[in-house]
Amino acid sequence: MPRVKKQIMGQYMPTLEERKAYHWCINNGIFISPFATGNGTWYIEIKINRNINRSPQTYGRTVIWIKIYEYYKYYYEKHISQRR
């Protein structure tokens, strides 16, 4: 059986604000993760209360992390502003 080639995803260091949004989302049931296409690009999957949505666009190895944290920040700010 042929081996599956590993895809290297690059690195990204989130800011303090992005990490806060990440933790808030995880603690509130919002999970955002990369989903490999198999050709060196990734979709973004967002799971909220058993609903899974996948981004229509694919992202490269470094951009994927920036976009994921943008989504975490979006959901964090959306829900925090609704509570005020």
Protein backbone atom coordinates (compact mmCIF):
# COMPACT_ATOMS: atom_id res chain seq x y z
CA MET A 1 0.00 0.00 0.00
CA PRO A 2 1.45 3.43 -0.89
CA ARG A 3 2.28 5.80 1.92
CA VAL A 4 0.26 8.95 2.32
CA LYS A 5 2.44 12.00 1.84
CA LYS A 6 2.35 14.31 4.86
CA GLN A 7 1.41 17.92 4.24
CA ILE A 8 3.37 20.53 6.17
CA MET A 9 1.10 23.31 7.38
CA GLY A 10 3.53 26.06 8.29
CA GLN A 11 3.58 27.91 11.58
CA TYR A 12 1.75 30.85 13.06
CA MET A 13 2.01 32.47 16.48
CA PRO A 14 -1.42 33.81 17.55
CA THR A 15 -1.66 37.07 19.44
CA LEU A 16 -2.93 37.22 23.01
CA GLU A 17 -6.31 38.42 21.74
CA GLU A 18 -6.51 35.56 19.22
CA ARG A 19 -5.71 33.01 21.92
CA LYS A 20 -8.41 34.49 24.15
CA ALA A 21 -10.94 34.17 21.29
CA TYR A 22 -9.76 30.59 20.63
CA HIS A 23 -10.26 29.54 24.26
CA TRP A 24 -13.64 31.24 24.45
CA CYS A 25 -14.83 29.44 21.30
CA ILE A 26 -13.61 26.02 22.45
CA ASN A 27 -15.28 26.49 25.85
CA ASN A 28 -18.53 27.47 24.11
CA GLY A 29 -18.70 24.62 21.59
CA ILE A 30 -17.31 26.38 18.51
CA PHE A 31 -14.60 24.30 16.85
CA ILE A 32 -12.65 25.54 13.83
CA SER A 33 -10.09 23.31 12.15
CA PRO A 34 -8.18 22.78 8.91
CA PHE A 35 -9.31 20.03 6.53
CA ALA A 36 -6.73 18.88 3.95
CA THR A 37 -7.63 18.74 0.27
CA GLY A 38 -4.70 16.45 -0.51
CA ASN A 39 -2.83 18.83 -2.79
CA GLY A 40 -1.14 21.12 -0.25
CA THR A 41 -4.15 23.30 0.49
CA TRP A 42 -6.79 23.22 3.19
CA TYR A 43 -10.44 24.06 3.72
CA ILE A 44 -11.65 25.45 7.02
CA GLU A 45 -14.30 23.46 8.87
CA ILE A 46 -16.45 25.16 11.48
CA LYS A 47 -18.48 23.00 13.85
CA ILE A 48 -21.13 24.69 16.01
CA ASN A 49 -23.65 22.53 17.88
CA ARG A 50 -23.35 19.53 15.53
CA ASN A 51 -23.61 21.74 12.42
CA ILE A 52 -20.52 21.53 10.24
CA ASN A 53 -19.73 24.09 7.56
CA ARG A 54 -16.75 24.05 5.22
CA SER A 55 -15.27 27.13 3.59
CA PRO A 56 -15.79 27.31 -0.17
CA GLN A 57 -12.24 28.57 -0.60
CA THR A 58 -9.00 26.70 0.07
CA TYR A 59 -5.97 28.21 1.78
CA GLY A 60 -2.21 27.68 1.62
CA ARG A 61 0.07 26.46 4.36
CA THR A 62 0.60 29.70 6.30
CA VAL A 63 -2.57 31.56 5.41
CA ILE A 64 -4.70 28.74 6.83
CA TRP A 65 -3.72 29.60 10.42
CA ILE A 66 -4.36 33.32 9.96
CA LYS A 67 -7.83 32.59 8.58
CA ILE A 68 -8.66 30.13 11.35
CA TYR A 69 -7.84 32.69 14.00
CA GLU A 70 -9.83 35.33 12.10
CA TYR A 71 -12.86 33.03 12.37
CA TYR A 72 -12.25 32.44 16.08
CA LYS A 73 -12.06 36.19 16.61
CA TYR A 74 -15.20 36.75 14.51
CA TYR A 75 -17.31 34.32 16.57
CA TYR A 76 -15.90 35.60 19.85
CA GLU A 77 -16.67 39.23 19.02
CA LYS A 78 -20.09 38.35 17.60
CA HIS A 79 -21.22 36.54 20.75
CA ILE A 80 -19.63 38.95 23.21
CA SER A 81 -21.32 41.95 21.54
CA GLN A 82 -24.72 40.17 21.67
CA ARG A 83 -24.45 39.79 25.45
CA ARG A 84 -24.07 43.53 26.03
